[in-house]
N, C-alpha and C. Protein backbone atom coordinates (compact mmCIF):
# COMPACT_ATOMS: atom_id res chain seq x y z
N MET A 1 7.51 -9.95 18.46
CA MET A 1 8.63 -9.29 17.84
C MET A 1 8.72 -9.59 16.36
N VAL A 2 8.93 -8.60 15.52
CA VAL A 2 8.98 -8.82 14.04
C VAL A 2 10.23 -9.54 13.71
N ASN A 3 10.02 -10.70 13.00
CA ASN A 3 11.17 -11.47 12.48
C ASN A 3 11.17 -11.30 10.97
N TRP A 4 12.14 -10.48 10.51
CA TRP A 4 12.10 -10.06 9.15
C TRP A 4 13.57 -9.83 8.70
N ASN A 5 14.01 -10.66 7.80
CA ASN A 5 15.48 -10.53 7.38
C ASN A 5 15.63 -10.89 5.88
N ASP A 6 14.56 -10.77 5.12
CA ASP A 6 14.59 -11.14 3.69
C ASP A 6 14.00 -10.03 2.86
N SER A 7 14.77 -9.41 2.00
CA SER A 7 14.23 -8.28 1.19
C SER A 7 13.13 -8.69 0.23
N GLY A 8 13.11 -10.01 -0.12
CA GLY A 8 12.10 -10.49 -1.08
C GLY A 8 10.84 -10.95 -0.38
N GLU A 9 10.77 -11.00 0.96
CA GLU A 9 9.64 -11.57 1.65
C GLU A 9 8.32 -10.79 1.33
N ILE A 10 8.41 -9.47 1.42
CA ILE A 10 7.18 -8.68 1.25
C ILE A 10 6.73 -8.65 -0.22
N PRO A 11 7.68 -8.43 -1.17
CA PRO A 11 7.25 -8.53 -2.62
C PRO A 11 6.66 -9.87 -2.95
N HIS A 12 7.25 -10.92 -2.43
CA HIS A 12 6.71 -12.28 -2.69
C HIS A 12 5.27 -12.42 -2.18
N LEU A 13 5.04 -11.91 -0.92
CA LEU A 13 3.71 -11.97 -0.39
C LEU A 13 2.71 -11.17 -1.21
N HIS A 14 3.13 -9.96 -1.61
CA HIS A 14 2.27 -9.14 -2.48
C HIS A 14 1.85 -9.90 -3.71
N ASP A 15 2.86 -10.49 -4.39
CA ASP A 15 2.59 -11.18 -5.64
C ASP A 15 1.65 -12.35 -5.44
N LYS A 16 1.90 -13.13 -4.35
CA LYS A 16 1.05 -14.27 -4.11
C LYS A 16 -0.38 -13.85 -3.83
N LEU A 17 -0.57 -12.72 -3.11
CA LEU A 17 -1.91 -12.29 -2.79
C LEU A 17 -2.57 -11.73 -4.07
N ASN A 18 -1.87 -11.07 -4.91
CA ASN A 18 -2.43 -10.62 -6.16
C ASN A 18 -3.03 -11.78 -6.97
N GLU A 19 -2.26 -12.84 -7.09
CA GLU A 19 -2.71 -13.99 -7.83
C GLU A 19 -3.97 -14.56 -7.20
N ARG A 20 -3.93 -14.67 -5.93
CA ARG A 20 -5.14 -15.29 -5.23
C ARG A 20 -6.33 -14.43 -5.33
N TRP A 21 -6.21 -13.09 -5.05
CA TRP A 21 -7.36 -12.21 -4.97
C TRP A 21 -7.96 -11.99 -6.38
N HIS A 22 -7.16 -12.11 -7.43
CA HIS A 22 -7.75 -11.99 -8.76
C HIS A 22 -8.44 -13.26 -9.21
N ARG A 23 -8.17 -14.32 -8.49
CA ARG A 23 -8.70 -15.67 -8.90
C ARG A 23 -9.82 -16.09 -8.02
N GLU A 24 -9.84 -15.69 -6.74
CA GLU A 24 -10.85 -16.17 -5.75
C GLU A 24 -11.54 -14.99 -5.16
N ALA A 25 -12.75 -15.29 -4.58
CA ALA A 25 -13.51 -14.29 -3.87
C ALA A 25 -12.70 -13.80 -2.63
N LEU A 26 -12.72 -12.53 -2.36
CA LEU A 26 -11.96 -12.01 -1.24
C LEU A 26 -12.44 -12.62 0.09
N GLU A 27 -13.73 -12.96 0.13
CA GLU A 27 -14.28 -13.48 1.36
C GLU A 27 -13.67 -14.80 1.83
N THR A 28 -13.02 -15.53 0.90
CA THR A 28 -12.41 -16.82 1.23
C THR A 28 -11.01 -16.65 1.75
N TRP A 29 -10.45 -15.45 1.70
CA TRP A 29 -9.07 -15.29 2.08
C TRP A 29 -8.87 -15.18 3.59
N GLN A 30 -7.86 -15.84 4.05
CA GLN A 30 -7.48 -15.74 5.48
C GLN A 30 -6.10 -15.16 5.63
N PRO A 31 -5.81 -14.16 6.42
CA PRO A 31 -4.54 -13.59 6.56
C PRO A 31 -3.48 -14.58 7.08
N PRO A 32 -2.17 -14.30 6.83
CA PRO A 32 -1.14 -15.17 7.36
C PRO A 32 -1.14 -15.29 8.89
N ALA A 33 -0.61 -16.35 9.40
CA ALA A 33 -0.64 -16.57 10.85
C ALA A 33 0.23 -15.58 11.55
N SER A 34 1.33 -15.11 10.90
CA SER A 34 2.21 -14.09 11.54
C SER A 34 1.47 -12.78 11.61
N ALA A 35 1.50 -12.17 12.78
CA ALA A 35 0.85 -10.87 12.96
C ALA A 35 1.50 -9.82 12.07
N TRP A 36 2.79 -9.91 11.87
CA TRP A 36 3.51 -8.98 11.05
C TRP A 36 3.02 -9.09 9.54
N LEU A 37 3.10 -10.31 9.04
CA LEU A 37 2.72 -10.53 7.65
C LEU A 37 1.23 -10.30 7.44
N ALA A 38 0.42 -10.59 8.46
CA ALA A 38 -0.96 -10.35 8.35
C ALA A 38 -1.25 -8.80 8.17
N LEU A 39 -0.47 -8.00 8.89
CA LEU A 39 -0.65 -6.57 8.80
C LEU A 39 -0.21 -6.06 7.40
N VAL A 40 0.94 -6.58 6.94
CA VAL A 40 1.35 -6.24 5.62
C VAL A 40 0.32 -6.62 4.57
N ALA A 41 -0.28 -7.81 4.73
CA ALA A 41 -1.31 -8.24 3.78
C ALA A 41 -2.53 -7.36 3.84
N ARG A 42 -2.94 -6.95 5.04
CA ARG A 42 -4.14 -6.09 5.15
C ARG A 42 -3.87 -4.75 4.47
N GLN A 43 -2.68 -4.26 4.60
CA GLN A 43 -2.32 -2.98 3.99
C GLN A 43 -2.33 -3.12 2.50
N HIS A 44 -1.86 -4.28 2.01
CA HIS A 44 -1.91 -4.51 0.53
C HIS A 44 -3.36 -4.66 0.09
N LEU A 45 -4.18 -5.32 0.87
CA LEU A 45 -5.60 -5.43 0.47
C LEU A 45 -6.26 -4.08 0.28
N ALA A 46 -5.90 -3.12 1.11
CA ALA A 46 -6.48 -1.78 0.93
C ALA A 46 -6.05 -1.21 -0.46
N ASN A 47 -4.79 -1.37 -0.83
CA ASN A 47 -4.37 -0.91 -2.10
C ASN A 47 -5.00 -1.67 -3.25
N PHE A 48 -5.14 -2.96 -3.07
CA PHE A 48 -5.84 -3.84 -4.08
C PHE A 48 -7.28 -3.31 -4.31
N GLU A 49 -8.01 -3.07 -3.22
CA GLU A 49 -9.39 -2.59 -3.34
C GLU A 49 -9.41 -1.16 -3.94
N LEU A 50 -8.47 -0.35 -3.53
CA LEU A 50 -8.39 1.03 -4.04
C LEU A 50 -8.14 1.01 -5.58
N TRP A 51 -7.22 0.14 -6.01
CA TRP A 51 -6.94 0.01 -7.47
C TRP A 51 -8.21 -0.24 -8.26
N HIS A 52 -8.95 -1.22 -7.78
CA HIS A 52 -10.12 -1.68 -8.58
C HIS A 52 -11.34 -0.75 -8.38
N THR A 53 -11.39 -0.08 -7.22
CA THR A 53 -12.46 0.89 -7.07
C THR A 53 -12.21 2.12 -7.92
N GLU A 54 -10.97 2.55 -8.05
CA GLU A 54 -10.66 3.61 -8.98
C GLU A 54 -10.95 3.26 -10.43
N ASP A 55 -10.78 2.02 -10.81
CA ASP A 55 -11.14 1.59 -12.13
C ASP A 55 -12.64 1.73 -12.35
N ALA A 56 -13.41 1.50 -11.35
CA ALA A 56 -14.88 1.64 -11.47
C ALA A 56 -15.28 3.08 -11.78
N ALA A 57 -14.49 4.04 -11.27
CA ALA A 57 -14.75 5.47 -11.56
C ALA A 57 -14.47 5.83 -13.00
N ARG A 58 -13.66 5.01 -13.66
CA ARG A 58 -13.26 5.31 -15.09
C ARG A 58 -14.19 4.58 -16.07
N ALA A 59 -15.19 3.84 -15.60
CA ALA A 59 -15.97 3.04 -16.46
C ALA A 59 -16.85 3.94 -17.34
N ALA A 60 -16.84 3.61 -18.66
CA ALA A 60 -17.69 4.39 -19.57
C ALA A 60 -19.14 4.23 -19.20
N GLY A 61 -19.93 5.31 -19.24
CA GLY A 61 -21.33 5.26 -18.98
C GLY A 61 -21.72 5.34 -17.50
N ALA A 62 -20.74 5.46 -16.60
CA ALA A 62 -21.14 5.56 -15.20
C ALA A 62 -21.93 6.80 -14.99
N THR A 63 -22.97 6.72 -14.16
CA THR A 63 -23.78 7.89 -13.89
C THR A 63 -23.13 8.78 -12.76
N ASP A 64 -23.63 9.99 -12.66
CA ASP A 64 -23.13 10.87 -11.62
C ASP A 64 -23.33 10.22 -10.22
N GLU A 65 -24.48 9.61 -10.01
CA GLU A 65 -24.77 8.95 -8.74
C GLU A 65 -23.78 7.82 -8.42
N GLN A 66 -23.50 7.03 -9.49
CA GLN A 66 -22.51 5.95 -9.31
C GLN A 66 -21.17 6.49 -9.03
N LEU A 67 -20.76 7.56 -9.73
CA LEU A 67 -19.44 8.13 -9.50
C LEU A 67 -19.31 8.69 -8.09
N ALA A 68 -20.40 9.31 -7.63
CA ALA A 68 -20.35 9.85 -6.25
C ALA A 68 -20.14 8.75 -5.22
N ALA A 69 -20.84 7.62 -5.43
CA ALA A 69 -20.69 6.48 -4.55
C ALA A 69 -19.28 5.89 -4.59
N VAL A 70 -18.70 5.85 -5.84
CA VAL A 70 -17.35 5.31 -5.97
C VAL A 70 -16.38 6.27 -5.29
N LYS A 71 -16.54 7.59 -5.43
CA LYS A 71 -15.63 8.54 -4.79
C LYS A 71 -15.63 8.32 -3.25
N ARG A 72 -16.85 8.10 -2.68
CA ARG A 72 -16.87 7.88 -1.22
C ARG A 72 -16.15 6.60 -0.84
N ARG A 73 -16.28 5.58 -1.66
CA ARG A 73 -15.54 4.31 -1.41
C ARG A 73 -14.04 4.55 -1.47
N ILE A 74 -13.65 5.34 -2.46
CA ILE A 74 -12.20 5.64 -2.65
C ILE A 74 -11.70 6.37 -1.41
N ASP A 75 -12.40 7.36 -0.96
CA ASP A 75 -11.97 8.13 0.23
C ASP A 75 -11.82 7.18 1.45
N ALA A 76 -12.83 6.33 1.65
CA ALA A 76 -12.83 5.44 2.79
C ALA A 76 -11.68 4.46 2.72
N THR A 77 -11.47 3.90 1.52
CA THR A 77 -10.41 2.90 1.36
C THR A 77 -9.05 3.54 1.43
N ASN A 78 -8.86 4.74 0.91
CA ASN A 78 -7.58 5.41 1.01
C ASN A 78 -7.25 5.79 2.48
N GLN A 79 -8.29 6.10 3.23
CA GLN A 79 -8.03 6.37 4.67
C GLN A 79 -7.58 5.09 5.36
N ARG A 80 -8.19 3.95 5.04
CA ARG A 80 -7.77 2.70 5.63
C ARG A 80 -6.36 2.30 5.19
N ARG A 81 -6.01 2.60 3.91
CA ARG A 81 -4.66 2.34 3.42
C ARG A 81 -3.64 3.11 4.21
N ASN A 82 -3.89 4.38 4.47
CA ASN A 82 -2.95 5.22 5.23
C ASN A 82 -2.86 4.81 6.67
N ASP A 83 -4.01 4.46 7.27
CA ASP A 83 -4.02 4.05 8.64
C ASP A 83 -3.20 2.74 8.78
N LEU A 84 -3.31 1.84 7.85
CA LEU A 84 -2.56 0.54 7.92
C LEU A 84 -1.04 0.77 7.73
N ALA A 85 -0.69 1.74 6.86
CA ALA A 85 0.76 2.05 6.71
C ALA A 85 1.32 2.58 8.00
N GLU A 86 0.52 3.39 8.73
CA GLU A 86 1.00 3.84 10.04
C GLU A 86 1.05 2.68 11.04
N ALA A 87 0.11 1.75 10.91
CA ALA A 87 0.08 0.59 11.83
C ALA A 87 1.35 -0.27 11.60
N VAL A 88 1.80 -0.36 10.37
CA VAL A 88 3.00 -1.14 10.05
C VAL A 88 4.20 -0.48 10.79
N ASP A 89 4.32 0.86 10.67
CA ASP A 89 5.41 1.56 11.36
C ASP A 89 5.29 1.38 12.88
N GLN A 90 4.07 1.44 13.37
CA GLN A 90 3.86 1.26 14.83
C GLN A 90 4.35 -0.10 15.30
N MET A 91 3.98 -1.13 14.57
CA MET A 91 4.38 -2.48 14.93
C MET A 91 5.95 -2.59 14.85
N LEU A 92 6.54 -2.06 13.86
CA LEU A 92 8.04 -2.13 13.76
C LEU A 92 8.67 -1.38 14.91
N LEU A 93 8.14 -0.19 15.25
CA LEU A 93 8.77 0.59 16.35
C LEU A 93 8.54 -0.12 17.69
N GLU A 94 7.40 -0.78 17.93
CA GLU A 94 7.24 -1.54 19.14
C GLU A 94 8.16 -2.71 19.21
N SER A 95 8.41 -3.36 18.09
CA SER A 95 9.42 -4.43 18.09
C SER A 95 10.82 -3.91 18.39
N LEU A 96 11.13 -2.76 17.81
CA LEU A 96 12.48 -2.12 18.06
C LEU A 96 12.62 -1.73 19.55
N ALA A 97 11.53 -1.23 20.13
CA ALA A 97 11.59 -0.73 21.48
C ALA A 97 11.97 -1.83 22.49
N ALA A 98 11.58 -3.08 22.13
CA ALA A 98 11.94 -4.26 22.97
C ALA A 98 13.47 -4.47 22.94
N ARG A 99 14.20 -3.88 21.99
CA ARG A 99 15.66 -3.99 21.87
C ARG A 99 16.32 -2.66 22.18
N ASN A 100 15.55 -1.73 22.77
CA ASN A 100 16.06 -0.38 23.05
C ASN A 100 16.49 0.37 21.83
N LEU A 101 15.75 0.20 20.78
CA LEU A 101 15.96 0.82 19.47
C LEU A 101 14.70 1.55 19.06
N PRO A 102 14.81 2.52 18.10
CA PRO A 102 15.97 3.01 17.40
C PRO A 102 16.88 3.79 18.30
N ALA A 103 18.17 3.79 17.93
CA ALA A 103 19.18 4.57 18.68
C ALA A 103 18.79 6.06 18.56
N PRO A 104 18.64 6.79 19.65
CA PRO A 104 18.20 8.23 19.58
C PRO A 104 19.17 9.10 18.83
N ASP A 105 20.46 8.76 18.83
CA ASP A 105 21.44 9.61 18.11
C ASP A 105 21.78 9.12 16.74
N ALA A 106 21.04 8.13 16.23
CA ALA A 106 21.28 7.62 14.91
C ALA A 106 20.73 8.62 13.82
N GLU A 107 21.28 8.49 12.65
CA GLU A 107 20.78 9.36 11.55
C GLU A 107 19.29 9.05 11.25
N LEU A 108 18.54 10.18 11.11
CA LEU A 108 17.09 10.01 10.84
C LEU A 108 16.84 9.84 9.38
N HIS A 109 16.02 8.80 9.09
CA HIS A 109 15.60 8.50 7.71
C HIS A 109 14.19 9.16 7.50
N SER A 110 14.07 9.88 6.46
CA SER A 110 12.85 10.67 6.30
C SER A 110 11.59 9.84 5.88
N GLU A 111 11.81 8.74 5.18
CA GLU A 111 10.70 7.90 4.69
C GLU A 111 10.66 6.65 5.59
N THR A 112 9.44 6.35 6.09
CA THR A 112 9.32 5.24 6.99
C THR A 112 9.14 3.95 6.28
N PRO A 113 9.42 2.79 6.98
CA PRO A 113 9.21 1.49 6.32
C PRO A 113 7.74 1.28 5.89
N GLY A 114 6.77 1.81 6.65
CA GLY A 114 5.37 1.66 6.28
C GLY A 114 5.06 2.26 4.95
N LEU A 115 5.62 3.46 4.72
CA LEU A 115 5.45 4.19 3.42
C LEU A 115 6.15 3.43 2.29
N MET A 116 7.32 2.88 2.59
CA MET A 116 8.06 2.15 1.57
C MET A 116 7.31 0.82 1.17
N ILE A 117 6.72 0.19 2.20
CA ILE A 117 5.96 -1.05 1.95
C ILE A 117 4.67 -0.68 1.12
N ASP A 118 4.10 0.48 1.40
CA ASP A 118 2.98 0.94 0.62
C ASP A 118 3.37 1.14 -0.85
N ARG A 119 4.53 1.64 -1.09
CA ARG A 119 5.02 1.83 -2.49
C ARG A 119 5.28 0.47 -3.12
N LEU A 120 5.83 -0.50 -2.38
CA LEU A 120 6.00 -1.84 -2.88
C LEU A 120 4.68 -2.47 -3.25
N SER A 121 3.68 -2.24 -2.46
CA SER A 121 2.34 -2.76 -2.71
C SER A 121 1.82 -2.27 -4.03
N ILE A 122 1.95 -0.98 -4.29
CA ILE A 122 1.45 -0.43 -5.55
C ILE A 122 2.26 -0.90 -6.76
N LEU A 123 3.54 -1.04 -6.57
CA LEU A 123 4.40 -1.55 -7.63
C LEU A 123 3.99 -3.02 -7.99
N SER A 124 3.61 -3.81 -6.98
CA SER A 124 3.24 -5.15 -7.27
C SER A 124 1.97 -5.20 -8.07
N LEU A 125 1.05 -4.33 -7.82
CA LEU A 125 -0.22 -4.23 -8.60
C LEU A 125 0.09 -3.83 -10.00
N LYS A 126 0.97 -2.86 -10.19
CA LYS A 126 1.37 -2.48 -11.54
C LYS A 126 2.01 -3.61 -12.33
N ILE A 127 2.85 -4.38 -11.60
CA ILE A 127 3.50 -5.53 -12.25
C ILE A 127 2.50 -6.58 -12.69
N PHE A 128 1.55 -6.89 -11.75
CA PHE A 128 0.54 -7.88 -12.07
C PHE A 128 -0.23 -7.49 -13.32
N HIS A 129 -0.69 -6.24 -13.37
CA HIS A 129 -1.55 -5.78 -14.48
C HIS A 129 -0.73 -5.60 -15.76
N THR A 130 0.55 -5.30 -15.64
CA THR A 130 1.35 -5.24 -16.84
C THR A 130 1.55 -6.62 -17.41
N HIS A 131 1.71 -7.66 -16.57
CA HIS A 131 1.76 -9.01 -17.10
C HIS A 131 0.44 -9.34 -17.83
N GLU A 132 -0.68 -8.90 -17.33
CA GLU A 132 -1.96 -9.07 -18.02
C GLU A 132 -1.98 -8.49 -19.44
N GLU A 133 -1.39 -7.27 -19.51
CA GLU A 133 -1.39 -6.55 -20.77
C GLU A 133 -0.43 -7.24 -21.81
N ILE A 134 0.67 -7.80 -21.30
CA ILE A 134 1.58 -8.59 -22.15
C ILE A 134 0.86 -9.77 -22.78
N ASP A 135 0.02 -10.43 -21.99
CA ASP A 135 -0.70 -11.66 -22.40
C ASP A 135 -2.02 -11.38 -23.12
N ARG A 136 -2.37 -10.15 -23.32
CA ARG A 136 -3.65 -9.77 -23.94
C ARG A 136 -3.73 -10.29 -25.40
N ILE A 137 -4.71 -11.08 -25.71
CA ILE A 137 -4.87 -11.64 -27.02
C ILE A 137 -5.31 -10.62 -28.03
N ASP A 138 -6.18 -9.67 -27.64
CA ASP A 138 -6.74 -8.70 -28.54
C ASP A 138 -5.95 -7.44 -28.63
N ALA A 139 -4.77 -7.36 -28.06
CA ALA A 139 -4.01 -6.15 -28.03
C ALA A 139 -3.50 -5.76 -29.42
N PRO A 140 -3.34 -4.49 -29.71
CA PRO A 140 -2.79 -4.05 -31.00
C PRO A 140 -1.25 -4.38 -31.15
N ALA A 141 -0.79 -4.32 -32.37
CA ALA A 141 0.61 -4.66 -32.63
C ALA A 141 1.51 -3.73 -31.80
N GLY A 142 2.56 -4.38 -31.23
CA GLY A 142 3.52 -3.61 -30.46
C GLY A 142 3.14 -3.45 -28.96
N HIS A 143 1.94 -3.80 -28.64
CA HIS A 143 1.42 -3.59 -27.29
C HIS A 143 2.19 -4.43 -26.27
N ALA A 144 2.40 -5.70 -26.60
CA ALA A 144 3.08 -6.65 -25.67
C ALA A 144 4.56 -6.18 -25.51
N GLU A 145 5.18 -5.81 -26.57
CA GLU A 145 6.62 -5.39 -26.47
C GLU A 145 6.70 -4.13 -25.63
N ARG A 146 5.83 -3.16 -25.77
CA ARG A 146 5.87 -1.93 -24.96
C ARG A 146 5.70 -2.27 -23.50
N ASN A 147 4.83 -3.24 -23.26
CA ASN A 147 4.60 -3.59 -21.80
C ASN A 147 5.69 -4.47 -21.26
N ARG A 148 6.46 -5.20 -22.11
CA ARG A 148 7.66 -5.91 -21.62
C ARG A 148 8.72 -4.93 -21.14
N GLU A 149 8.84 -3.83 -21.92
CA GLU A 149 9.80 -2.74 -21.51
C GLU A 149 9.30 -2.08 -20.17
N ARG A 150 8.01 -1.89 -20.09
CA ARG A 150 7.50 -1.32 -18.87
C ARG A 150 7.69 -2.23 -17.68
N LEU A 151 7.55 -3.56 -17.93
CA LEU A 151 7.75 -4.54 -16.84
C LEU A 151 9.18 -4.53 -16.34
N LYS A 152 10.14 -4.43 -17.26
CA LYS A 152 11.53 -4.39 -16.84
C LYS A 152 11.80 -3.24 -15.91
N ILE A 153 11.26 -2.10 -16.21
CA ILE A 153 11.42 -0.89 -15.36
C ILE A 153 10.79 -1.11 -14.03
N LEU A 154 9.59 -1.62 -14.01
CA LEU A 154 8.80 -1.84 -12.77
C LEU A 154 9.59 -2.85 -11.84
N LEU A 155 10.06 -3.88 -12.45
CA LEU A 155 10.79 -4.92 -11.67
C LEU A 155 12.08 -4.36 -11.08
N GLU A 156 12.76 -3.54 -11.85
CA GLU A 156 13.99 -2.92 -11.34
C GLU A 156 13.67 -1.93 -10.22
N GLN A 157 12.62 -1.16 -10.44
CA GLN A 157 12.22 -0.20 -9.37
C GLN A 157 11.83 -0.94 -8.05
N ARG A 158 11.13 -2.02 -8.20
CA ARG A 158 10.72 -2.76 -7.02
C ARG A 158 11.91 -3.39 -6.31
N SER A 159 12.81 -3.98 -7.14
CA SER A 159 14.00 -4.62 -6.55
C SER A 159 14.85 -3.57 -5.78
N ASP A 160 15.02 -2.40 -6.37
CA ASP A 160 15.76 -1.35 -5.73
C ASP A 160 15.09 -0.95 -4.40
N LEU A 161 13.80 -0.76 -4.46
CA LEU A 161 13.10 -0.28 -3.29
C LEU A 161 13.10 -1.30 -2.15
N ALA A 162 12.90 -2.58 -2.52
CA ALA A 162 12.98 -3.68 -1.51
C ALA A 162 14.36 -3.73 -0.87
N GLU A 163 15.41 -3.54 -1.64
CA GLU A 163 16.77 -3.54 -1.03
C GLU A 163 17.00 -2.32 -0.16
N CYS A 164 16.43 -1.18 -0.56
CA CYS A 164 16.54 0.05 0.29
C CYS A 164 15.79 -0.13 1.61
N LEU A 165 14.63 -0.73 1.49
CA LEU A 165 13.84 -1.03 2.73
C LEU A 165 14.62 -1.94 3.64
N MET A 166 15.13 -3.02 3.15
CA MET A 166 15.86 -3.96 3.94
C MET A 166 17.12 -3.35 4.58
N ARG A 167 17.74 -2.50 3.80
CA ARG A 167 18.98 -1.84 4.26
C ARG A 167 18.61 -0.89 5.45
N LEU A 168 17.51 -0.12 5.28
CA LEU A 168 17.05 0.72 6.42
C LEU A 168 16.77 -0.07 7.66
N TRP A 169 16.11 -1.25 7.50
CA TRP A 169 15.77 -2.09 8.69
C TRP A 169 17.04 -2.58 9.32
N ARG A 170 17.98 -3.10 8.52
CA ARG A 170 19.25 -3.63 9.07
C ARG A 170 20.04 -2.58 9.78
N GLN A 171 20.15 -1.37 9.18
CA GLN A 171 20.89 -0.27 9.79
C GLN A 171 20.19 0.26 11.05
N THR A 172 18.86 0.16 11.11
CA THR A 172 18.18 0.50 12.30
C THR A 172 18.46 -0.45 13.42
N LEU A 173 18.51 -1.76 13.06
CA LEU A 173 18.84 -2.78 14.03
C LEU A 173 20.28 -2.65 14.51
N ASP A 174 21.14 -2.14 13.67
CA ASP A 174 22.57 -1.90 14.01
C ASP A 174 22.78 -0.58 14.73
N GLY A 175 21.75 0.20 14.92
CA GLY A 175 21.86 1.48 15.58
C GLY A 175 22.42 2.60 14.74
N GLN A 176 22.44 2.40 13.44
CA GLN A 176 23.07 3.42 12.55
C GLN A 176 22.00 4.39 12.05
N ARG A 177 20.75 3.96 11.94
CA ARG A 177 19.67 4.79 11.43
C ARG A 177 18.46 4.66 12.31
N ARG A 178 17.54 5.64 12.14
CA ARG A 178 16.24 5.58 12.91
C ARG A 178 15.15 6.15 11.99
N PHE A 179 13.98 5.84 12.35
CA PHE A 179 12.78 6.43 11.74
C PHE A 179 11.74 6.69 12.80
N LYS A 180 10.87 7.62 12.44
CA LYS A 180 9.80 8.00 13.42
C LYS A 180 8.41 7.56 12.82
N LEU A 181 7.41 7.59 13.66
CA LEU A 181 6.05 7.35 13.14
C LEU A 181 5.52 8.72 12.77
N TYR A 182 5.30 8.90 11.43
CA TYR A 182 4.79 10.12 10.95
C TYR A 182 3.30 9.93 10.65
N ARG A 183 2.46 10.64 11.39
CA ARG A 183 1.01 10.56 11.24
C ARG A 183 0.66 11.29 9.92
N GLN A 184 -0.29 10.73 9.17
CA GLN A 184 -0.70 11.35 7.89
C GLN A 184 -1.68 12.53 8.16
N LEU A 185 -2.41 12.44 9.25
CA LEU A 185 -3.33 13.58 9.65
C LEU A 185 -4.18 14.02 8.49
N LYS A 186 -4.83 13.09 7.82
CA LYS A 186 -5.70 13.45 6.69
C LYS A 186 -6.90 14.20 7.22
N MET A 187 -7.35 15.18 6.43
CA MET A 187 -8.42 16.03 6.85
C MET A 187 -9.69 15.80 6.05
N TYR A 188 -9.63 15.15 4.86
CA TYR A 188 -10.80 15.16 3.99
C TYR A 188 -11.96 14.31 4.54
N ASN A 189 -11.64 13.28 5.39
CA ASN A 189 -12.70 12.48 5.92
C ASN A 189 -13.18 12.86 7.33
N ASP A 190 -12.53 13.91 7.90
CA ASP A 190 -12.80 14.28 9.29
C ASP A 190 -13.88 15.35 9.34
N PRO A 191 -15.05 15.05 9.95
CA PRO A 191 -16.13 16.01 10.00
C PRO A 191 -15.80 17.23 10.83
N HIS A 192 -14.75 17.17 11.61
CA HIS A 192 -14.35 18.28 12.42
C HIS A 192 -13.31 19.20 11.74
N LEU A 193 -12.79 18.75 10.59
CA LEU A 193 -11.71 19.48 9.99
C LEU A 193 -11.98 19.87 8.52
N ASN A 194 -12.91 19.19 7.89
CA ASN A 194 -13.25 19.52 6.48
C ASN A 194 -14.50 20.38 6.47
N PRO A 195 -14.33 21.69 5.99
CA PRO A 195 -15.47 22.61 5.94
C PRO A 195 -16.68 22.09 5.18
N VAL A 196 -16.42 21.25 4.14
CA VAL A 196 -17.57 20.73 3.35
C VAL A 196 -18.40 19.82 4.28
N LEU A 197 -17.75 19.15 5.27
CA LEU A 197 -18.49 18.25 6.13
C LEU A 197 -19.06 18.96 7.32
N TYR A 198 -18.29 19.78 8.01
CA TYR A 198 -18.80 20.45 9.18
C TYR A 198 -19.69 21.60 8.82
N GLY A 199 -19.54 22.12 7.53
CA GLY A 199 -20.40 23.20 7.08
C GLY A 199 -21.78 22.77 6.93
N LYS A 200 -21.99 21.52 6.43
CA LYS A 200 -23.33 20.96 6.24
C LYS A 200 -23.96 20.79 7.68
N SER A 201 -23.17 20.28 8.58
CA SER A 201 -23.72 20.07 9.91
C SER A 201 -24.16 21.40 10.58
N ALA A 202 -23.26 22.40 10.38
CA ALA A 202 -23.54 23.70 11.02
C ALA A 202 -24.82 24.30 10.41
N ALA A 203 -25.06 24.04 9.16
CA ALA A 203 -26.20 24.62 8.45
C ALA A 203 -27.46 23.85 8.76
N GLY A 204 -27.32 22.78 9.54
CA GLY A 204 -28.48 21.97 9.85
C GLY A 204 -29.01 21.08 8.77
N LYS A 205 -28.10 20.82 7.79
CA LYS A 205 -28.50 19.94 6.68
C LYS A 205 -28.21 18.53 7.03
N PRO A 206 -28.87 17.58 6.38
CA PRO A 206 -28.69 16.14 6.65
C PRO A 206 -27.27 15.73 6.18
C-alpha cells in the first residue's frame, strides 16, 4: 500500500536524484527500498536520460548518422517515460482499491497523479540546470540575474503543482475525487500502427 502524505516528498526525491546522477555514474545508483518511491525514481530517471539525450541531438557538428541514432534513443526513452507514468497511476489505483476507492460517484479529475509527477520531474530538471546557469563563471553580464528570476518562477510552479497533487490524493482518499488510468496509446514505436514501420516490413525491406 502506498504510504504518501507529504507534498514535498516527491520534489525532494527528484532533487536528491538530480544531484547524485550528475555527480556519479548511473550504474552505481540503487533505487529506494520503498516500491512506491522506487517507481517514482525510475520514472524520473527516464526524464533525466531523455533530457540529456535531447541535448546530444543539439550538439554542434553532429552527423546525420549520429542524429538518427539519438532520435531512436529519444523515442525509446520517451516510451519508457510514458509507460512508467502509467505504472505510477496503476500502483496508486491498486493501493486505493484495497480501501474500496476511488469512490465511483466522486468528481472525476482529468489529469492523473502519474502525469502530474511527470511534470514535477521535468520541473526539477529545469530547476537543477537553472541553478547551474546562475553559478556559471563564464556567463555574460545579466545572465545570473535573468536565471534567478527564472528560478523563482520554476520554484513557484513546482510548489503549486506539488500542492495540487497532494490535494488530489487527499480528496481521493476522502472519497471526494477520483481519477482513471489513461493509457497513452503511443503509435510511433508500434510496428503494427506506424505506417513507416509496417510499410517497410510489407515491402520486404530490412
